[in-house]
Amino acid sequence: MPDAQGRTTEFEISDIVLDILYDNGVGRATFRYLIREISGRITLTRADLEVSQTRPNEHVWEQRVRNISSHRRVEGNYISEGLLIKINGGLQITEAGRRRVAARRA
C-alpha cells in the first residue's frame, strides 16, 4: 500500500527483498539484481518512478531499495531487526528473515 506521497514504502520493498532472497537459492544478491527482480514483482506507482532528488540516476523506488542498507540503524529497518545483513554491494537474508517469509507463506 503506497504511502502519503503515493510511493511504495521501504517496508514493502524490504518484504519483497526478503522474498527474492528466500527464493533465489543462495540467500544473497546485489542491489542491481534486487532492483531488476523487484520491478517484475510489483506494480510501481507513478510516484515510485519519479527521479530521486538525492540520487539523480535512480528512480525513487530504487533509492528505497538502497535505503534498506543506508537506514540500517533505524528501528524497524530489516537489518536492525535482524532479518537482513548488509553485504558488499547488496543484501543477505538471515535465518530470522527466512522464518519470517516461511511464516508469512504458511
Protein backbone atom coordinates (compact mmCIF):
# COMPACT_ATOMS: atom_id res chain seq x y z
CA MET A 1 0.00 0.00 0.00
CA PRO A 2 1.54 3.30 -1.07
CA ASP A 3 2.47 5.98 1.46
CA ALA A 4 1.02 9.50 1.62
CA GLN A 5 3.05 10.52 -1.46
CA GLY A 6 1.82 7.51 -3.42
CA ARG A 7 5.13 5.66 -3.13
CA THR A 8 5.76 2.04 -2.27
CA THR A 9 7.04 2.05 1.30
CA GLU A 10 10.50 0.95 2.39
CA PHE A 11 8.76 -1.72 4.49
CA GLU A 12 7.01 -3.14 1.41
CA ILE A 13 10.24 -3.06 -0.58
CA SER A 14 12.01 -4.84 2.30
CA ASP A 15 9.37 -7.60 2.32
CA ILE A 16 9.87 -8.13 -1.41
CA VAL A 17 13.64 -8.25 -0.91
CA LEU A 18 13.14 -10.96 1.74
CA ASP A 19 11.03 -12.95 -0.73
CA ILE A 20 13.61 -12.62 -3.51
CA LEU A 21 16.48 -13.70 -1.26
CA TYR A 22 14.44 -16.56 0.18
CA ASP A 23 13.60 -17.79 -3.32
CA ASN A 24 16.92 -17.31 -5.11
CA GLY A 25 18.70 -20.32 -3.62
CA VAL A 26 21.79 -18.54 -2.29
CA GLY A 27 20.11 -16.08 0.07
CA ARG A 28 22.10 -13.06 -1.05
CA ALA A 29 22.11 -10.71 -4.02
CA THR A 30 23.49 -7.44 -5.32
CA PHE A 31 21.37 -4.32 -5.33
CA ARG A 32 21.41 -4.45 -9.13
CA TYR A 33 19.90 -7.95 -9.08
CA LEU A 34 17.33 -6.97 -6.44
CA ILE A 35 16.25 -3.90 -8.39
CA ARG A 36 15.80 -5.96 -11.55
CA GLU A 37 13.76 -8.58 -9.70
CA ILE A 38 11.59 -6.15 -7.72
CA SER A 39 10.35 -4.37 -10.83
CA GLY A 40 8.85 -7.67 -12.01
CA ARG A 41 7.13 -8.43 -8.71
CA ILE A 42 5.16 -5.26 -8.01
CA THR A 43 3.29 -2.59 -9.89
CA LEU A 44 5.24 0.59 -9.36
CA THR A 45 3.28 3.79 -8.88
CA ARG A 46 3.80 6.98 -10.84
CA ALA A 47 5.43 8.44 -7.71
CA ASP A 48 7.79 5.43 -7.45
CA LEU A 49 9.00 6.16 -10.97
CA GLU A 50 9.94 9.78 -10.26
CA VAL A 51 13.65 10.58 -10.37
CA SER A 52 15.20 10.69 -6.91
CA GLN A 53 16.05 14.18 -5.64
CA THR A 54 19.20 12.91 -3.92
CA ARG A 55 20.26 10.22 -6.40
CA PRO A 56 19.55 11.66 -9.86
CA ASN A 57 20.49 8.44 -11.67
CA GLU A 58 17.81 6.44 -9.83
CA HIS A 59 14.07 6.31 -9.52
CA VAL A 60 12.59 6.87 -6.06
CA TRP A 61 11.78 3.16 -5.63
CA GLU A 62 15.36 2.16 -6.49
CA GLN A 63 16.63 4.53 -3.83
CA ARG A 64 14.31 2.85 -1.31
CA VAL A 65 15.97 -0.49 -2.05
CA ARG A 66 19.37 1.00 -1.23
CA ASN A 67 17.87 2.76 1.81
CA ILE A 68 17.46 -0.65 3.43
CA SER A 69 21.23 -0.57 3.88
CA SER A 70 21.55 3.18 4.43
CA HIS A 71 18.90 3.19 7.18
CA ARG A 72 20.20 0.02 8.88
CA ARG A 73 20.41 1.70 12.29
CA VAL A 74 16.80 2.91 12.22
CA GLU A 75 14.33 1.00 14.39
CA GLY A 76 12.08 -1.17 12.23
CA ASN A 77 14.62 -1.45 9.42
CA TYR A 78 15.06 -5.07 8.34
CA ILE A 79 18.80 -5.00 9.04
CA SER A 80 18.34 -3.54 12.52
CA GLU A 81 15.61 -6.13 13.14
CA GLY A 82 17.99 -8.96 12.20
CA LEU A 83 16.13 -10.07 9.05
CA LEU A 84 18.79 -8.95 6.57
CA ILE A 85 22.54 -8.41 6.60
CA LYS A 86 24.37 -5.77 4.57
CA ILE A 87 26.99 -7.37 2.33
CA ASN A 88 29.37 -5.78 -0.15
CA GLY A 89 27.11 -4.35 -2.86
CA GLY A 90 23.91 -5.99 -1.68
CA LEU A 91 21.95 -7.82 0.97
CA GLN A 92 21.71 -11.29 2.52
CA ILE A 93 18.77 -12.90 4.29
CA THR A 94 19.27 -14.21 7.84
CA GLU A 95 17.68 -17.26 9.45
CA ALA A 96 15.23 -14.90 11.16
CA GLY A 97 14.38 -13.48 7.74
CA ARG A 98 13.81 -16.98 6.37
CA ARG A 99 11.49 -17.80 9.27
CA ARG A 100 9.53 -14.60 8.65
CA VAL A 101 8.99 -15.44 4.98
CA ALA A 102 8.07 -19.04 5.77
CA ALA A 103 5.54 -17.91 8.40
CA ARG A 104 4.03 -15.37 6.01
CA ARG A 105 3.62 -18.02 3.33
CA ALA A 106 2.21 -20.70 5.64
